[in-house]
C-alpha atoms as a PDB file:
ATOM      1  CA  UNK A   1       0.000   0.000   0.000  1.00  0.00           C
ATOM      2  CA  UNK A   2       2.877   2.373   0.679  1.00  0.00           C
ATOM      3  CA  UNK A   3       3.999   1.862  -2.934  1.00  0.00           C
ATOM      4  CA  UNK A   4       0.623   3.118  -4.083  1.00  0.00           C
ATOM      5  CA  UNK A   5       0.581   6.006  -1.661  1.00  0.00           C
ATOM      6  CA  UNK A   6       4.192   7.062  -1.930  1.00  0.00           C
ATOM      7  CA  UNK A   7       4.975   6.235  -5.521  1.00  0.00           C
ATOM      8  CA  UNK A   8       2.197   5.639  -7.979  1.00  0.00           C
ATOM      9  CA  UNK A   9      -0.228   8.305  -6.757  1.00  0.00           C
ATOM     10  CA  UNK A  10       2.497  10.944  -6.492  1.00  0.00           C
ATOM     11  CA  UNK A  11       3.812  10.070  -9.956  1.00  0.00           C
ATOM     12  CA  UNK A  12       0.304  10.315 -11.382  1.00  0.00           C
ATOM     13  CA  UNK A  13      -0.150  13.710  -9.701  1.00  0.00           C
ATOM     14  CA  UNK A  14       3.135  14.916 -11.204  1.00  0.00           C
ATOM     15  CA  UNK A  15       2.184  13.576 -14.638  1.00  0.00           C
ATOM     16  CA  UNK A  16      -1.149  15.404 -14.418  1.00  0.00           C
ATOM     17  CA  UNK A  17       0.589  18.670 -13.522  1.00  0.00           C
ATOM     18  CA  UNK A  18       2.941  18.276 -16.505  1.00  0.00           C
ATOM     19  CA  UNK A  19       0.077  17.404 -18.848  1.00  0.00           C
ATOM     20  CA  UNK A  20      -1.944  20.372 -17.611  1.00  0.00           C
ATOM     21  CA  UNK A  21       0.954  22.771 -18.156  1.00  0.00           C
ATOM     22  CA  UNK A  22       1.667  21.347 -21.598  1.00  0.00           C
ATOM     23  CA  UNK A  23      -1.994  21.686 -22.540  1.00  0.00           C
ATOM     24  CA  UNK A  24      -2.112  25.301 -21.363  1.00  0.00           C
ATOM     25  CA  UNK A  25       0.919  26.147 -23.492  1.00  0.00           C
ATOM     26  CA  UNK A  26      -0.499  24.305 -26.499  1.00  0.00           C
ATOM     27  CA  UNK A  27       2.155  21.588 -26.566  1.00  0.00           C
ATOM     28  CA  UNK A  28      -0.311  18.739 -25.938  1.00  0.00           C
ATOM     29  CA  UNK A  29      -3.940  18.109 -26.725  1.00  0.00           C
ATOM     30  CA  UNK A  30      -6.884  17.834 -24.380  1.00  0.00           C
ATOM     31  CA  UNK A  31      -6.864  14.027 -24.668  1.00  0.00           C
ATOM     32  CA  UNK A  32      -3.414  13.834 -23.082  1.00  0.00           C
ATOM     33  CA  UNK A  33      -4.611  15.966 -20.193  1.00  0.00           C
ATOM     34  CA  UNK A  34      -7.795  13.927 -19.743  1.00  0.00           C
ATOM     35  CA  UNK A  35      -5.810  10.692 -19.901  1.00  0.00           C
ATOM     36  CA  UNK A  36      -3.522  11.932 -17.121  1.00  0.00           C
ATOM     37  CA  UNK A  37      -6.623  12.707 -15.031  1.00  0.00           C
ATOM     38  CA  UNK A  38      -7.967   9.198 -15.691  1.00  0.00           C
ATOM     39  CA  UNK A  39      -4.688   7.601 -14.615  1.00  0.00           C
ATOM     40  CA  UNK A  40      -4.625   9.652 -11.391  1.00  0.00           C
ATOM     41  CA  UNK A  41      -8.221   8.730 -10.555  1.00  0.00           C
ATOM     42  CA  UNK A  42      -7.425   5.068 -11.172  1.00  0.00           C
ATOM     43  CA  UNK A  43      -4.393   5.225  -8.886  1.00  0.00           C
ATOM     44  CA  UNK A  44      -6.416   6.903  -6.138  1.00  0.00           C
ATOM     45  CA  UNK A  45      -9.160   4.317  -6.545  1.00  0.00           C
ATOM     46  CA  UNK A  46      -6.613   1.506  -6.199  1.00  0.00           C
ATOM     47  CA  UNK A  47      -5.229   3.166  -3.060  1.00  0.00           C
ATOM     48  CA  UNK A  48      -8.678   3.452  -1.488  1.00  0.00           C
ATOM     49  CA  UNK A  49      -9.424  -0.196  -2.324  1.00  0.00           C
ATOM     50  CA  UNK A  50      -6.118  -1.276  -0.767  1.00  0.00           C
ATOM     51  CA  UNK A  51      -6.828   0.734   2.386  1.00  0.00           C
ATOM     52  CA  UNK A  52     -10.273  -0.872   2.634  1.00  0.00           C
ATOM     53  CA  UNK A  53      -8.836  -4.371   2.217  1.00  0.00           C
ATOM     54  CA  UNK A  54      -6.195  -3.671   4.857  1.00  0.00           C
ATOM     55  CA  UNK A  55      -8.807  -2.444   7.333  1.00  0.00           C
ATOM     56  CA  UNK A  56     -11.076  -5.420   6.633  1.00  0.00           C
ATOM     57  CA  UNK A  57      -8.169  -7.818   7.196  1.00  0.00           C
ATOM     58  CA  UNK A  58      -7.249  -6.052  10.445  1.00  0.00           C
ATOM     59  CA  UNK A  59     -10.814  -6.353  11.716  1.00  0.00           C
ATOM     60  CA  UNK A  60     -10.945 -10.030  10.777  1.00  0.00           C
ATOM     61  CA  UNK A  61      -7.649 -10.710  12.578  1.00  0.00           C
ATOM     62  CA  UNK A  62      -8.897  -8.912  15.691  1.00  0.00           C
ATOM     63  CA  UNK A  63     -12.106 -10.962  15.660  1.00  0.00           C
ATOM     64  CA  UNK A  64     -10.201 -14.206  15.259  1.00  0.00           C
ATOM     65  CA  UNK A  65      -7.818 -13.365  18.081  1.00  0.00           C
ATOM     66  CA  UNK A  66     -10.626 -12.399  20.432  1.00  0.00           C
ATOM     67  CA  UNK A  67     -12.788 -15.474  19.853  1.00  0.00           C
ATOM     68  CA  UNK A  68     -12.622 -18.593  21.995  1.00  0.00           C
ATOM     69  CA  UNK A  69     -12.130 -21.878  20.089  1.00  0.00           C
ATOM     70  CA  UNK A  70     -15.465 -23.572  19.481  1.00  0.00           C
ATOM     71  CA  UNK A  71     -17.467 -20.343  19.700  1.00  0.00           C
ATOM     72  CA  UNK A  72     -18.324 -17.868  17.017  1.00  0.00           C
ATOM     73  CA  UNK A  73     -16.812 -14.426  17.275  1.00  0.00           C
ATOM     74  CA  UNK A  74     -19.244 -11.885  18.674  1.00  0.00           C
ATOM     75  CA  UNK A  75     -19.590  -8.614  16.785  1.00  0.00           C
ATOM     76  CA  UNK A  76     -17.381  -5.918  18.185  1.00  0.00           C
ATOM     77  CA  UNK A  77     -19.478  -3.390  20.088  1.00  0.00           C
ATOM     78  CA  UNK A  78     -18.290   0.181  20.525  1.00  0.00           C
ATOM     79  CA  UNK A  79     -16.817   0.864  23.952  1.00  0.00           C
ATOM     80  CA  UNK A  80     -19.340   2.224  26.417  1.00  0.00           C
ATOM     81  CA  UNK A  81     -18.749   5.395  28.359  1.00  0.00           C
ATOM     82  CA  UNK A  82     -17.569   4.874  31.935  1.00  0.00           C
ATOM     83  CA  UNK A  83     -20.247   5.325  34.571  1.00  0.00           C
ATOM     84  CA  UNK A  84     -20.158   8.544  36.520  1.00  0.00           C
ATOM     85  CA  UNK A  85     -18.969   8.064  40.108  1.00  0.00           C
ATOM     86  CA  UNK A  86     -21.776   8.316  42.614  1.00  0.00           C
ATOM     87  CA  UNK A  87     -21.580  10.835  45.398  1.00  0.00           C
ATOM     88  CA  UNK A  88     -20.651   9.323  48.768  1.00  0.00           C
ATOM     89  CA  UNK A  89     -23.439   9.258  51.290  1.00  0.00           C
ATOM     90  CA  UNK A  90     -22.873  10.214  54.869  1.00  0.00           C
ATOM     91  CA  UNK A  91     -23.810   7.770  57.579  1.00  0.00           C
ATOM     92  CA  UNK A  92     -24.281   8.730  61.227  1.00  0.00           C
END
């Protein structure tokens, strides 16, 4: 995933900037610019899919580690807020 984030997406962003500048100066056509946009969107989409898969795998690992053999893993509930301490009562 770091290859996508650090390399491919940044390269696609740089390629888009070059294509945009070349289009503005008339050195390239609109199709080159649009193609660079398409490549960047594809790279970002791949990154998002990889992040989703990583998170899904992490959740599955956590469920497997928390389950007892022979029982199904219970869905993970959000942590509840701690109860407020009660005021001490005076006794005489």
